[in-house]
């Protein structure tokens, strides 16, 4: 078969980096959690007070998701009751510019 007669196969999937990003920050509460952590380390209760509409279950799920994706780290202190703090990782901090641009876009167009 000559090169000019070659017809490539259609790809089954096309990897999309935007889709990968949205998998991390596209959850209903993820953006709000990340936004609060841009201001520094927070405990679970602080996040719950800062995002009053989120249920404890949804906040827990979001924090686990963001931890699994490497966006934040969870630090447990052996106190009674146990103290847990959440801090953005360098990967999470790197989202600051992206989220700021999304905020500016929304201010312009919505």
PDB file of N, CA and C in Angstrom:
ATOM      1  N   UNK A   1       0.849  -1.171   0.000  1.00  0.00           N
ATOM      2  CA  UNK A   1       0.000   0.000   0.000  1.00  0.00           C
ATOM      3  C   UNK A   1       0.894   1.233   0.000  1.00  0.00           C
ATOM      4  N   UNK A   2       0.638   2.181  -0.857  1.00  0.00           N
ATOM      5  CA  UNK A   2       1.457   3.392  -0.923  1.00  0.00           C
ATOM      6  C   UNK A   2       0.969   4.401   0.117  1.00  0.00           C
ATOM      7  N   UNK A   3       1.848   5.321   0.471  1.00  0.00           N
ATOM      8  CA  UNK A   3       1.550   6.301   1.511  1.00  0.00           C
ATOM      9  C   UNK A   3       0.370   7.198   1.140  1.00  0.00           C
ATOM     10  N   UNK A   4       0.223   7.531  -0.139  1.00  0.00           N
ATOM     11  CA  UNK A   4      -0.868   8.445  -0.502  1.00  0.00           C
ATOM     12  C   UNK A   4      -2.230   7.753  -0.540  1.00  0.00           C
ATOM     13  N   UNK A   5      -2.278   6.437  -0.497  1.00  0.00           N
ATOM     14  CA  UNK A   5      -3.541   5.695  -0.440  1.00  0.00           C
ATOM     15  C   UNK A   5      -3.936   5.301   0.984  1.00  0.00           C
ATOM     16  N   UNK A   6      -3.079   5.598   1.944  1.00  0.00           N
ATOM     17  CA  UNK A   6      -3.318   5.185   3.330  1.00  0.00           C
ATOM     18  C   UNK A   6      -4.439   6.016   3.949  1.00  0.00           C
ATOM     19  N   UNK A   7      -5.407   5.347   4.541  1.00  0.00           N
ATOM     20  CA  UNK A   7      -6.489   6.018   5.270  1.00  0.00           C
ATOM     21  C   UNK A   7      -6.344   5.616   6.735  1.00  0.00           C
ATOM     22  N   UNK A   8      -6.073   6.596   7.614  1.00  0.00           N
ATOM     23  CA  UNK A   8      -5.877   6.245   9.028  1.00  0.00           C
ATOM     24  C   UNK A   8      -7.178   5.782   9.671  1.00  0.00           C
ATOM     25  N   UNK A   9      -7.028   4.960  10.704  1.00  0.00           N
ATOM     26  CA  UNK A   9      -8.185   4.509  11.469  1.00  0.00           C
ATOM     27  C   UNK A   9      -8.732   5.687  12.275  1.00  0.00           C
ATOM     28  N   UNK A  10     -10.028   5.664  12.492  1.00  0.00           N
ATOM     29  CA  UNK A  10     -10.631   6.662  13.374  1.00  0.00           C
ATOM     30  C   UNK A  10     -10.267   6.289  14.809  1.00  0.00           C
ATOM     31  N   UNK A  11      -9.781   7.260  15.587  1.00  0.00           N
ATOM     32  CA  UNK A  11      -9.443   6.933  16.976  1.00  0.00           C
ATOM     33  C   UNK A  11     -10.698   6.614  17.784  1.00  0.00           C
ATOM     34  N   UNK A  12     -10.564   5.681  18.703  1.00  0.00           N
ATOM     35  CA  UNK A  12     -11.687   5.312  19.563  1.00  0.00           C
ATOM     36  C   UNK A  12     -11.986   6.461  20.515  1.00  0.00           C
ATOM     37  N   UNK A  13     -10.947   7.020  21.114  1.00  0.00           N
ATOM     38  CA  UNK A  13     -11.099   8.179  21.989  1.00  0.00           C
ATOM     39  C   UNK A  13      -9.977   9.162  21.684  1.00  0.00           C
ATOM     40  N   UNK A  14     -10.267  10.399  21.894  1.00  0.00           N
ATOM     41  CA  UNK A  14      -9.253  11.434  21.758  1.00  0.00           C
ATOM     42  C   UNK A  14      -9.063  12.027  23.139  1.00  0.00           C
ATOM     43  N   UNK A  15      -7.852  11.919  23.642  1.00  0.00           N
ATOM     44  CA  UNK A  15      -7.557  12.417  24.962  1.00  0.00           C
ATOM     45  C   UNK A  15      -7.664  13.936  24.982  1.00  0.00           C
ATOM     46  N   UNK A  16      -8.371  14.474  25.956  1.00  0.00           N
ATOM     47  CA  UNK A  16      -8.578  15.913  26.049  1.00  0.00           C
ATOM     48  C   UNK A  16      -8.082  16.394  27.408  1.00  0.00           C
ATOM     49  N   UNK A  17      -7.090  17.239  27.414  1.00  0.00           N
ATOM     50  CA  UNK A  17      -6.550  17.745  28.668  1.00  0.00           C
ATOM     51  C   UNK A  17      -7.542  18.619  29.411  1.00  0.00           C
ATOM     52  N   UNK A  18      -8.412  19.314  28.692  1.00  0.00           N
ATOM     53  CA  UNK A  18      -9.437  20.118  29.358  1.00  0.00           C
ATOM     54  C   UNK A  18     -10.384  19.195  30.114  1.00  0.00           C
ATOM     55  N   UNK A  19     -10.713  18.078  29.510  1.00  0.00           N
ATOM     56  CA  UNK A  19     -11.580  17.107  30.179  1.00  0.00           C
ATOM     57  C   UNK A  19     -10.919  16.582  31.456  1.00  0.00           C
ATOM     58  N   UNK A  20      -9.618  16.362  31.396  1.00  0.00           N
ATOM     59  CA  UNK A  20      -8.888  15.895  32.585  1.00  0.00           C
ATOM     60  C   UNK A  20      -8.936  16.953  33.688  1.00  0.00           C
ATOM     61  N   UNK A  21      -8.780  18.211  33.312  1.00  0.00           N
ATOM     62  CA  UNK A  21      -8.831  19.301  34.289  1.00  0.00           C
ATOM     63  C   UNK A  21     -10.212  19.383  34.921  1.00  0.00           C
ATOM     64  N   UNK A  22     -11.246  19.287  34.088  1.00  0.00           N
ATOM     65  CA  UNK A  22     -12.607  19.348  34.611  1.00  0.00           C
ATOM     66  C   UNK A  22     -12.929  18.156  35.497  1.00  0.00           C
ATOM     67  N   UNK A  23     -12.277  17.029  35.250  1.00  0.00           N
ATOM     68  CA  UNK A  23     -12.468  15.870  36.126  1.00  0.00           C
ATOM     69  C   UNK A  23     -11.998  16.200  37.541  1.00  0.00           C
ATOM     70  N   UNK A  24     -11.005  17.059  37.640  1.00  0.00           N
ATOM     71  CA  UNK A  24     -10.474  17.443  38.952  1.00  0.00           C
ATOM     72  C   UNK A  24     -11.293  18.566  39.570  1.00  0.00           C
ATOM     73  N   UNK A  25     -11.547  19.640  38.832  1.00  0.00           N
ATOM     74  CA  UNK A  25     -12.178  20.828  39.427  1.00  0.00           C
ATOM     75  C   UNK A  25     -13.637  21.009  39.053  1.00  0.00           C
ATOM     76  N   UNK A  26     -14.187  20.115  38.248  1.00  0.00           N
ATOM     77  CA  UNK A  26     -15.532  20.314  37.741  1.00  0.00           C
ATOM     78  C   UNK A  26     -16.647  19.877  38.662  1.00  0.00           C
ATOM     79  N   UNK A  27     -16.325  19.287  39.791  1.00  0.00           N
ATOM     80  CA  UNK A  27     -17.365  18.872  40.722  1.00  0.00           C
ATOM     81  C   UNK A  27     -18.084  20.079  41.302  1.00  0.00           C
ATOM     82  N   UNK A  28     -19.274  19.859  41.788  1.00  0.00           N
ATOM     83  CA  UNK A  28     -20.106  20.955  42.286  1.00  0.00           C
ATOM     84  C   UNK A  28     -19.406  21.775  43.369  1.00  0.00           C
ATOM     85  N   UNK A  29     -18.667  21.127  44.241  1.00  0.00           N
ATOM     86  CA  UNK A  29     -18.070  21.824  45.386  1.00  0.00           C
ATOM     87  C   UNK A  29     -16.566  22.008  45.269  1.00  0.00           C
ATOM     88  N   UNK A  30     -15.934  21.340  44.331  1.00  0.00           N
ATOM     89  CA  UNK A  30     -14.464  21.357  44.257  1.00  0.00           C
ATOM     90  C   UNK A  30     -13.907  22.766  44.107  1.00  0.00           C
ATOM     91  N   UNK A  31     -14.489  23.553  43.212  1.00  0.00           N
ATOM     92  CA  UNK A  31     -13.997  24.907  43.006  1.00  0.00           C
ATOM     93  C   UNK A  31     -14.055  25.714  44.300  1.00  0.00           C
ATOM     94  N   UNK A  32     -15.169  25.588  45.038  1.00  0.00           N
ATOM     95  CA  UNK A  32     -15.327  26.366  46.275  1.00  0.00           C
ATOM     96  C   UNK A  32     -14.321  25.937  47.337  1.00  0.00           C
ATOM     97  N   UNK A  33     -14.070  24.640  47.430  1.00  0.00           N
ATOM     98  CA  UNK A  33     -13.073  24.148  48.392  1.00  0.00           C
ATOM     99  C   UNK A  33     -11.689  24.670  48.018  1.00  0.00           C
ATOM    100  N   UNK A  34     -11.343  24.559  46.741  1.00  0.00           N
ATOM    101  CA  UNK A  34     -10.036  25.038  46.279  1.00  0.00           C
ATOM    102  C   UNK A  34      -9.906  26.537  46.532  1.00  0.00           C
ATOM    103  N   UNK A  35     -10.964  27.277  46.221  1.00  0.00           N
ATOM    104  CA  UNK A  35     -10.946  28.732  46.444  1.00  0.00           C
ATOM    105  C   UNK A  35     -10.635  29.069  47.903  1.00  0.00           C
ATOM    106  N   UNK A  36     -11.257  28.354  48.818  1.00  0.00           N
ATOM    107  CA  UNK A  36     -11.014  28.620  50.244  1.00  0.00           C
ATOM    108  C   UNK A  36      -9.597  28.240  50.649  1.00  0.00           C
ATOM    109  N   UNK A  37      -9.065  27.189  50.058  1.00  0.00           N
ATOM    110  CA  UNK A  37      -7.711  26.751  50.412  1.00  0.00           C
ATOM    111  C   UNK A  37      -6.634  27.640  49.794  1.00  0.00           C
ATOM    112  N   UNK A  38      -6.976  28.461  48.790  1.00  0.00           N
ATOM    113  CA  UNK A  38      -6.012  29.435  48.272  1.00  0.00           C
ATOM    114  C   UNK A  38      -5.605  30.402  49.382  1.00  0.00           C
ATOM    115  N   UNK A  39      -6.492  30.608  50.346  1.00  0.00           N
ATOM    116  CA  UNK A  39      -6.215  31.522  51.467  1.00  0.00           C
ATOM    117  C   UNK A  39      -5.410  30.859  52.574  1.00  0.00           C
ATOM    118  N   UNK A  40      -5.143  29.569  52.459  1.00  0.00           N
ATOM    119  CA  UNK A  40      -4.345  28.872  53.466  1.00  0.00           C
ATOM    120  C   UNK A  40      -5.008  27.607  53.965  1.00  0.00           C
ATOM    121  N   UNK A  41      -4.299  26.916  54.827  1.00  0.00           N
ATOM    122  CA  UNK A  41      -4.747  25.655  55.414  1.00  0.00           C
ATOM    123  C   UNK A  41      -6.048  25.850  56.179  1.00  0.00           C
ATOM    124  N   UNK A  42      -6.954  24.885  56.027  1.00  0.00           N
ATOM    125  CA  UNK A  42      -8.241  24.938  56.719  1.00  0.00           C
ATOM    126  C   UNK A  42      -8.568  23.572  57.308  1.00  0.00           C
ATOM    127  N   UNK A  43      -9.328  23.602  58.397  1.00  0.00           N
ATOM    128  CA  UNK A  43      -9.876  22.378  58.979  1.00  0.00           C
ATOM    129  C   UNK A  43     -11.253  22.118  58.371  1.00  0.00           C
ATOM    130  N   UNK A  44     -11.738  20.904  58.559  1.00  0.00           N
ATOM    131  CA  UNK A  44     -13.027  20.505  58.002  1.00  0.00           C
ATOM    132  C   UNK A  44     -14.127  21.478  58.429  1.00  0.00           C
ATOM    133  N   UNK A  45     -14.199  21.754  59.716  1.00  0.00           N
ATOM    134  CA  UNK A  45     -15.241  22.647  60.238  1.00  0.00           C
ATOM    135  C   UNK A  45     -15.162  24.043  59.654  1.00  0.00           C
ATOM    136  N   UNK A  46     -13.954  24.530  59.446  1.00  0.00           N
ATOM    137  CA  UNK A  46     -13.783  25.854  58.830  1.00  0.00           C
ATOM    138  C   UNK A  46     -14.338  25.854  57.415  1.00  0.00           C
ATOM    139  N   UNK A  47     -14.014  24.807  56.650  1.00  0.00           N
ATOM    140  CA  UNK A  47     -14.516  24.713  55.287  1.00  0.00           C
ATOM    141  C   UNK A  47     -16.040  24.647  55.277  1.00  0.00           C
ATOM    142  N   UNK A  48     -16.585  23.917  56.231  1.00  0.00           N
ATOM    143  CA  UNK A  48     -18.043  23.791  56.310  1.00  0.00           C
ATOM    144  C   UNK A  48     -18.683  25.149  56.610  1.00  0.00           C
ATOM    145  N   UNK A  49     -18.075  25.947  57.485  1.00  0.00           N
ATOM    146  CA  UNK A  49     -18.599  27.280  57.787  1.00  0.00           C
ATOM    147  C   UNK A  49     -18.450  28.230  56.600  1.00  0.00           C
ATOM    148  N   UNK A  50     -17.343  28.102  55.869  1.00  0.00           N
ATOM    149  CA  UNK A  50     -17.091  28.983  54.736  1.00  0.00           C
ATOM    150  C   UNK A  50     -17.950  28.646  53.514  1.00  0.00           C
ATOM    151  N   UNK A  51     -18.394  27.393  53.439  1.00  0.00           N
ATOM    152  CA  UNK A  51     -19.248  26.940  52.328  1.00  0.00           C
ATOM    153  C   UNK A  51     -20.516  26.361  52.951  1.00  0.00           C
ATOM    154  N   UNK A  52     -21.399  27.211  53.470  1.00  0.00           N
ATOM    155  CA  UNK A  52     -22.533  26.718  54.264  1.00  0.00           C
ATOM    156  C   UNK A  52     -23.514  25.816  53.519  1.00  0.00           C
ATOM    157  N   UNK A  53     -23.588  25.906  52.202  1.00  0.00           N
ATOM    158  CA  UNK A  53     -24.552  25.087  51.455  1.00  0.00           C
ATOM    159  C   UNK A  53     -24.117  23.635  51.293  1.00  0.00           C
ATOM    160  N   UNK A  54     -22.844  23.330  51.542  1.00  0.00           N
ATOM    161  CA  UNK A  54     -22.343  21.972  51.342  1.00  0.00           C
ATOM    162  C   UNK A  54     -22.667  21.103  52.561  1.00  0.00           C
ATOM    163  N   UNK A  55     -23.147  19.901  52.298  1.00  0.00           N
ATOM    164  CA  UNK A  55     -23.414  18.963  53.388  1.00  0.00           C
ATOM    165  C   UNK A  55     -22.098  18.333  53.833  1.00  0.00           C
ATOM    166  N   UNK A  56     -22.034  17.839  55.072  1.00  0.00           N
ATOM    167  CA  UNK A  56     -20.811  17.173  55.521  1.00  0.00           C
ATOM    168  C   UNK A  56     -20.415  16.008  54.609  1.00  0.00           C
ATOM    169  N   UNK A  57     -21.401  15.270  54.138  1.00  0.00           N
ATOM    170  CA  UNK A  57     -21.125  14.128  53.262  1.00  0.00           C
ATOM    171  C   UNK A  57     -20.520  14.587  51.927  1.00  0.00           C
ATOM    172  N   UNK A  58     -21.094  15.632  51.336  1.00  0.00           N
ATOM    173  CA  UNK A  58     -20.588  16.150  50.062  1.00  0.00           C
ATOM    174  C   UNK A  58     -19.196  16.755  50.241  1.00  0.00           C
ATOM    175  N   UNK A  59     -18.970  17.436  51.355  1.00  0.00           N
ATOM    176  CA  UNK A  59     -17.650  18.020  51.616  1.00  0.00           C
ATOM    177  C   UNK A  59     -16.614  16.915  51.779  1.00  0.00           C
ATOM    178  N   UNK A  60     -16.950  15.885  52.526  1.00  0.00           N
ATOM    179  CA  UNK A  60     -16.035  14.751  52.703  1.00  0.00           C
ATOM    180  C   UNK A  60     -15.697  14.119  51.358  1.00  0.00           C
ATOM    181  N   UNK A  61     -16.704  13.895  50.534  1.00  0.00           N
ATOM    182  CA  UNK A  61     -16.499  13.299  49.219  1.00  0.00           C
ATOM    183  C   UNK A  61     -15.608  14.183  48.345  1.00  0.00           C
ATOM    184  N   UNK A  62     -15.849  15.480  48.366  1.00  0.00           N
ATOM    185  CA  UNK A  62     -15.049  16.420  47.573  1.00  0.00           C
ATOM    186  C   UNK A  62     -13.606  16.442  48.048  1.00  0.00           C
ATOM    187  N   UNK A  63     -13.404  16.477  49.349  1.00  0.00           N
ATOM    188  CA  UNK A  63     -12.040  16.492  49.897  1.00  0.00           C
ATOM    189  C   UNK A  63     -11.296  15.209  49.524  1.00  0.00           C
ATOM    190  N   UNK A  64     -11.963  14.075  49.590  1.00  0.00           N
ATOM    191  CA  UNK A  64     -11.327  12.806  49.200  1.00  0.00           C
ATOM    192  C   UNK A  64     -10.961  12.812  47.721  1.00  0.00           C
ATOM    193  N   UNK A  65     -11.881  13.310  46.900  1.00  0.00           N
ATOM    194  CA  UNK A  65     -11.630  13.387  45.457  1.00  0.00           C
ATOM    195  C   UNK A  65     -10.407  14.254  45.174  1.00  0.00           C
ATOM    196  N   UNK A  66     -10.358  15.433  45.783  1.00  0.00           N
ATOM    197  CA  UNK A  66      -9.241  16.349  45.543  1.00  0.00           C
ATOM    198  C   UNK A  66      -7.926  15.785  46.086  1.00  0.00           C
ATOM    199  N   UNK A  67      -8.001  15.049  47.181  1.00  0.00           N
ATOM    200  CA  UNK A  67      -6.805  14.393  47.710  1.00  0.00           C
ATOM    201  C   UNK A  67      -6.339  13.291  46.759  1.00  0.00           C
ATOM    202  N   UNK A  68      -7.276  12.495  46.267  1.00  0.00           N
ATOM    203  CA  UNK A  68      -6.938  11.423  45.313  1.00  0.00           C
ATOM    204  C   UNK A  68      -6.299  11.982  44.043  1.00  0.00           C
ATOM    205  N   UNK A  69      -6.736  13.171  43.631  1.00  0.00           N
ATOM    206  CA  UNK A  69      -6.210  13.802  42.415  1.00  0.00           C
ATOM    207  C   UNK A  69      -4.914  14.569  42.666  1.00  0.00           C
ATOM    208  N   UNK A  70      -4.468  14.614  43.930  1.00  0.00           N
ATOM    209  CA  UNK A  70      -3.201  15.270  44.254  1.00  0.00           C
ATOM    210  C   UNK A  70      -3.290  16.782  44.351  1.00  0.00           C
ATOM    211  N   UNK A  71      -4.500  17.305  44.506  1.00  0.00           N
ATOM    212  CA  UNK A  71      -4.701  18.754  44.568  1.00  0.00           C
ATOM    213  C   UNK A  71      -4.533  19.277  45.987  1.00  0.00           C
ATOM    214  N   UNK A  72      -4.872  18.467  46.953  1.00  0.00           N
ATOM    215  CA  UNK A  72      -4.693  18.874  48.347  1.00  0.00           C
ATOM    216  C   UNK A  72      -4.123  17.721  49.146  1.00  0.00           C
ATOM    217  N   UNK A  73      -3.567  18.084  50.288  1.00  0.00           N
ATOM    218  CA  UNK A  73      -3.085  17.040  51.188  1.00  0.00           C
ATOM    219  C   UNK A  73      -3.823  17.162  52.510  1.00  0.00           C
ATOM    220  N   UNK A  74      -4.002  16.024  53.118  1.00  0.00           N
ATOM    221  CA  UNK A  74      -4.733  15.905  54.371  1.00  0.00           C
ATOM    222  C   UNK A  74      -3.719  15.554  55.446  1.00  0.00           C
ATOM    223  N   UNK A  75      -3.707  16.345  56.503  1.00  0.00           N
ATOM    224  CA  UNK A  75      -2.786  16.088  57.604  1.00  0.00           C
ATOM    225  C   UNK A  75      -3.598  15.834  58.866  1.00  0.00           C
ATOM    226  N   UNK A  76      -3.341  14.690  59.499  1.00  0.00           N
ATOM    227  CA  UNK A  76      -4.084  14.286  60.692  1.00  0.00           C
ATOM    228  C   UNK A  76      -3.195  14.466  61.914  1.00  0.00           C
ATOM    229  N   UNK A  77      -3.753  15.114  62.947  1.00  0.00           N
ATOM    230  CA  UNK A  77      -3.037  15.319  64.204  1.00  0.00           C
ATOM    231  C   UNK A  77      -3.683  14.453  65.280  1.00  0.00           C
ATOM    232  N   UNK A  78      -2.854  13.739  66.071  1.00  0.00           N
ATOM    233  CA  UNK A  78      -3.395  12.823  67.078  1.00  0.00           C
ATOM    234  C   UNK A  78      -3.896  13.553  68.327  1.00  0.00           C
ATOM    235  N   UNK A  79      -4.975  14.302  68.155  1.00  0.00           N
ATOM    236  CA  UNK A  79      -5.590  15.002  69.280  1.00  0.00           C
ATOM    237  C   UNK A  79      -6.922  14.324  69.577  1.00  0.00           C
ATOM    238  N   UNK A  80      -7.571  14.747  70.658  1.00  0.00           N
ATOM    239  CA  UNK A  80      -8.895  14.223  70.983  1.00  0.00           C
ATOM    240  C   UNK A  80      -9.854  15.409  71.017  1.00  0.00           C
ATOM    241  N   UNK A  81     -10.819  15.480  70.101  1.00  0.00           N
ATOM    242  CA  UNK A  81     -10.970  14.637  68.923  1.00  0.00           C
ATOM    243  C   UNK A  81      -9.850  14.895  67.905  1.00  0.00           C
ATOM    244  N   UNK A  82      -9.755  14.012  66.936  1.00  0.00           N
ATOM    245  CA  UNK A  82      -8.704  14.101  65.917  1.00  0.00           C
ATOM    246  C   UNK A  82      -8.851  15.414  65.155  1.00  0.00           C
ATOM    247  N   UNK A  83      -7.734  16.083  64.922  1.00  0.00           N
ATOM    248  CA  UNK A  83      -7.714  17.308  64.131  1.00  0.00           C
ATOM    249  C   UNK A  83      -7.202  16.967  62.738  1.00  0.00           C
ATOM    250  N   UNK A  84      -7.923  17.423  61.727  1.00  0.00           N
ATOM    251  CA  UNK A  84      -7.534  17.180  60.338  1.00  0.00           C
ATOM    252  C   UNK A  84      -7.456  18.523  59.627  1.00  0.00           C
ATOM    253  N   UNK A  85      -6.334  18.764  58.954  1.00  0.00           N
ATOM    254  CA  UNK A  85      -6.150  19.996  58.201  1.00  0.00           C
ATOM    255  C   UNK A  85      -5.943  19.681  56.728  1.00  0.00           C
ATOM    256  N   UNK A  86      -6.415  20.576  55.887  1.00  0.00           N
ATOM    257  CA  UNK A  86      -6.305  20.428  54.441  1.00  0.00           C
ATOM    258  C   UNK A  86      -5.520  21.605  53.878  1.00  0.00           C
ATOM    259  N   UNK A  87      -4.556  21.290  53.031  1.00  0.00           N
ATOM    260  CA  UNK A  87      -3.689  22.294  52.419  1.00  0.00           C
ATOM    261  C   UNK A  87      -3.536  21.955  50.944  1.00  0.00           C
ATOM    262  N   UNK A  88      -3.507  22.991  50.101  1.00  0.00           N
ATOM    263  CA  UNK A  88      -3.261  22.752  48.679  1.00  0.00           C
ATOM    264  C   UNK A  88      -1.830  22.292  48.461  1.00  0.00           C
ATOM    265  N   UNK A  89      -1.657  21.380  47.549  1.00  0.00           N
ATOM    266  CA  UNK A  89      -0.330  20.947  47.114  1.00  0.00           C
ATOM    267  C   UNK A  89       0.138  21.934  46.037  1.00  0.00           C
ATOM    268  N   UNK A  90       1.388  21.846  45.602  1.00  0.00           N
ATOM    269  CA  UNK A  90       1.812  22.695  44.478  1.00  0.00           C
ATOM    270  C   UNK A  90       0.903  22.510  43.253  1.00  0.00           C
ATOM    271  N   UNK A  91       0.433  21.294  43.024  1.00  0.00           N
ATOM    272  CA  UNK A  91      -0.500  21.037  41.916  1.00  0.00           C
ATOM    273  C   UNK A  91      -1.788  21.835  42.119  1.00  0.00           C
ATOM    274  N   UNK A  92      -2.276  21.882  43.343  1.00  0.00           N
ATOM    275  CA  UNK A  92      -3.485  22.651  43.644  1.00  0.00           C
ATOM    276  C   UNK A  92      -3.259  24.143  43.534  1.00  0.00           C
ATOM    277  N   UNK A  93      -2.116  24.609  44.032  1.00  0.00           N
ATOM    278  CA  UNK A  93      -1.782  26.039  43.931  1.00  0.00           C
ATOM    279  C   UNK A  93      -1.693  26.470  42.477  1.00  0.00           C
ATOM    280  N   UNK A  94      -1.269  25.568  41.626  1.00  0.00           N
ATOM    281  CA  UNK A  94      -1.106  25.872  40.208  1.00  0.00           C
ATOM    282  C   UNK A  94      -2.450  26.147  39.526  1.00  0.00           C
ATOM    283  N   UNK A  95      -3.547  25.772  40.164  1.00  0.00           N
ATOM    284  CA  UNK A  95      -4.879  26.041  39.613  1.00  0.00           C
ATOM    285  C   UNK A  95      -5.308  27.495  39.800  1.00  0.00           C
ATOM    286  N   UNK A  96      -4.592  28.245  40.622  1.00  0.00           N
ATOM    287  CA  UNK A  96      -5.003  29.613  40.953  1.00  0.00           C
ATOM    288  C   UNK A  96      -5.208  30.462  39.702  1.00  0.00           C
ATOM    289  N   UNK A  97      -4.254  30.418  38.790  1.00  0.00           N
ATOM    290  CA  UNK A  97      -4.348  31.223  37.574  1.00  0.00           C
ATOM    291  C   UNK A  97      -5.548  30.802  36.723  1.00  0.00           C
ATOM    292  N   UNK A  98      -5.759  29.511  36.593  1.00  0.00           N
ATOM    293  CA  UNK A  98      -6.868  29.002  35.785  1.00  0.00           C
ATOM    294  C   UNK A  98      -8.203  29.469  36.352  1.00  0.00           C
ATOM    295  N   UNK A  99      -8.370  29.331  37.655  1.00  0.00           N
ATOM    296  CA  UNK A  99      -9.634  29.695  38.276  1.00  0.00           C
ATOM    297  C   UNK A  99      -9.847  31.207  38.247  1.00  0.00           C
ATOM    298  N   UNK A 100      -8.775  31.975  38.366  1.00  0.00           N
ATOM    299  CA  UNK A 100      -8.878  33.431  38.273  1.00  0.00           C
ATOM    300  C   UNK A 100      -9.357  33.834  36.876  1.00  0.00           C
ATOM    301  N   UNK A 101      -8.816  33.189  35.849  1.00  0.00           N
ATOM    302  CA  UNK A 101      -9.241  33.487  34.477  1.00  0.00           C
ATOM    303  C   UNK A 101     -10.703  33.095  34.253  1.00  0.00           C
ATOM    304  N   UNK A 102     -11.151  31.999  34.853  1.00  0.00           N
ATOM    305  CA  UNK A 102     -12.544  31.598  34.735  1.00  0.00           C
ATOM    306  C   UNK A 102     -13.453  32.633  35.407  1.00  0.00           C
ATOM    307  N   UNK A 103     -13.007  33.147  36.539  1.00  0.00           N
ATOM    308  CA  UNK A 103     -13.763  34.173  37.253  1.00  0.00           C
ATOM    309  C   UNK A 103     -13.870  35.444  36.403  1.00  0.00           C
ATOM    310  N   UNK A 104     -12.767  35.849  35.785  1.00  0.00           N
ATOM    311  CA  UNK A 104     -12.784  37.029  34.924  1.00  0.00           C
ATOM    312  C   UNK A 104     -13.696  36.828  33.718  1.00  0.00           C
ATOM    313  N   UNK A 105     -13.654  35.656  33.124  1.00  0.00           N
ATOM    314  CA  UNK A 105     -14.514  35.359  31.981  1.00  0.00           C
ATOM    315  C   UNK A 105     -15.981  35.489  32.384  1.00  0.00           C
ATOM    316  N   UNK A 106     -16.317  34.926  33.526  1.00  0.00           N
ATOM    317  CA  UNK A 106     -17.703  34.979  34.009  1.00  0.00           C
ATOM    318  C   UNK A 106     -18.125  36.410  34.270  1.00  0.00           C
ATOM    319  N   UNK A 107     -17.255  37.218  34.846  1.00  0.00           N
ATOM    320  CA  UNK A 107     -17.581  38.614  35.110  1.00  0.00           C
ATOM    321  C   UNK A 107     -17.846  39.372  33.802  1.00  0.00           C
ATOM    322  N   UNK A 108     -17.131  39.026  32.764  1.00  0.00           N
ATOM    323  CA  UNK A 108     -17.296  39.688  31.461  1.00  0.00           C
ATOM    324  C   UNK A 108     -18.559  39.241  30.732  1.00  0.00           C
ATOM    325  N   UNK A 109     -18.880  37.966  30.803  1.00  0.00           N
ATOM    326  CA  UNK A 109     -19.877  37.403  29.903  1.00  0.00           C
ATOM    327  C   UNK A 109     -21.178  36.937  30.531  1.00  0.00           C
ATOM    328  N   UNK A 110     -21.269  36.906  31.829  1.00  0.00           N
ATOM    329  CA  UNK A 110     -22.532  36.418  32.407  1.00  0.00           C
ATOM    330  C   UNK A 110     -23.194  37.478  33.256  1.00  0.00           C
TER     331      UNK A 110
END
